[in-house]
Amino acid sequence: MQTSQIPPRYLRTDEAARFLGLSPRTLEKHRTYGTGPTYRKLGGRVVYALADLQQWADLGIVCSTSDPNCGTIRPAAA
């Protein structure tokens, strides 16, 4: 197997935001307010594990439009 076929294990903020369909600024705000996905700091760089991004996105799974308590991800605001 070639290494170019192995997906990255960690994504920088721009890549993670693209993966989630968010702007990088929104993801930064989530990080600041503690409402976003788990992240790591490696050598001063912020990186996100793919599994953590998926787990956070799964919090927004919606069961029904009539169930307000099902699948809620709060906006990136204090």
Protein backbone atom coordinates (compact mmCIF):
# COMPACT_ATOMS: atom_id res chain seq x y z
CA MET A 1 0.00 0.00 0.00
CA GLN A 2 1.31 3.44 -0.89
CA THR A 3 1.44 6.07 1.82
CA SER A 4 -0.52 8.49 -0.39
CA GLN A 5 -3.56 6.23 0.06
CA ILE A 6 -3.48 6.40 3.87
CA PRO A 7 -5.89 9.10 5.10
CA PRO A 8 -4.45 11.62 7.56
CA ARG A 9 -5.06 10.85 11.22
CA TYR A 10 -4.99 14.49 12.29
CA LEU A 11 -6.28 17.59 10.54
CA ARG A 12 -5.30 21.22 11.02
CA THR A 13 -8.07 23.76 11.67
CA ASP A 14 -8.70 24.60 7.99
CA GLU A 15 -8.94 20.93 7.01
CA ALA A 16 -11.09 20.05 10.03
CA ALA A 17 -13.46 22.92 9.27
CA ARG A 18 -13.77 21.76 5.67
CA PHE A 19 -14.45 18.19 6.89
CA LEU A 20 -17.30 19.50 9.09
CA GLY A 21 -18.64 21.99 6.55
CA LEU A 22 -17.85 24.94 8.83
CA SER A 23 -15.67 27.98 8.43
CA PRO A 24 -12.30 27.86 10.17
CA ARG A 25 -13.35 30.89 12.24
CA THR A 26 -16.45 29.07 13.51
CA LEU A 27 -14.32 26.10 14.53
CA GLU A 28 -11.90 28.47 16.31
CA LYS A 29 -14.83 30.02 18.20
CA HIS A 30 -16.05 26.56 19.24
CA ARG A 31 -12.55 25.84 20.53
CA THR A 32 -12.46 29.12 22.48
CA TYR A 33 -15.86 28.56 24.11
CA GLY A 34 -15.34 24.85 24.74
CA THR A 35 -18.32 23.86 22.61
CA GLY A 36 -16.42 22.19 19.78
CA PRO A 37 -14.72 18.89 19.12
CA THR A 38 -11.79 17.69 21.18
CA TYR A 39 -8.45 18.89 19.85
CA ARG A 40 -4.77 18.42 20.55
CA LYS A 41 -1.81 20.76 20.55
CA LEU A 42 1.25 19.24 18.93
CA GLY A 43 4.31 21.45 18.83
CA GLY A 44 2.12 24.52 19.23
CA ARG A 45 -0.19 23.47 16.40
CA VAL A 46 -3.86 22.69 16.93
CA VAL A 47 -4.90 19.41 15.33
CA TYR A 48 -8.10 17.38 15.34
CA ALA A 49 -8.37 13.60 15.16
CA LEU A 50 -10.81 12.42 12.51
CA ALA A 51 -12.58 10.22 15.07
CA ASP A 52 -13.09 13.22 17.39
CA LEU A 53 -14.53 15.30 14.57
CA GLN A 54 -16.94 12.53 13.63
CA GLN A 55 -17.96 11.96 17.25
CA TRP A 56 -18.70 15.68 17.72
CA ALA A 57 -20.65 15.84 14.46
CA ASP A 58 -22.68 12.82 15.58
CA LEU A 59 -23.94 14.87 18.54
CA GLY A 60 -26.03 16.74 15.98
CA ILE A 61 -27.87 13.66 14.73
CA VAL A 62 -31.54 14.57 14.60
CA CYS A 63 -34.33 12.07 15.20
CA SER A 64 -37.29 14.26 14.34
CA THR A 65 -38.09 17.93 13.77
CA SER A 66 -40.64 17.68 16.57
CA ASP A 67 -38.11 16.51 19.18
CA PRO A 68 -36.20 19.60 20.39
CA ASN A 69 -33.95 17.56 22.72
CA CYS A 70 -32.65 15.22 20.08
CA GLY A 71 -29.30 16.00 18.49
CA THR A 72 -28.29 19.48 19.55
CA ILE A 73 -24.97 21.19 18.91
CA ARG A 74 -24.96 24.64 20.42
CA PRO A 75 -23.80 27.65 18.38
CA ALA A 76 -20.24 28.86 18.89
CA ALA A 77 -21.08 31.69 21.30
CA ALA A 78 -20.61 32.46 24.95
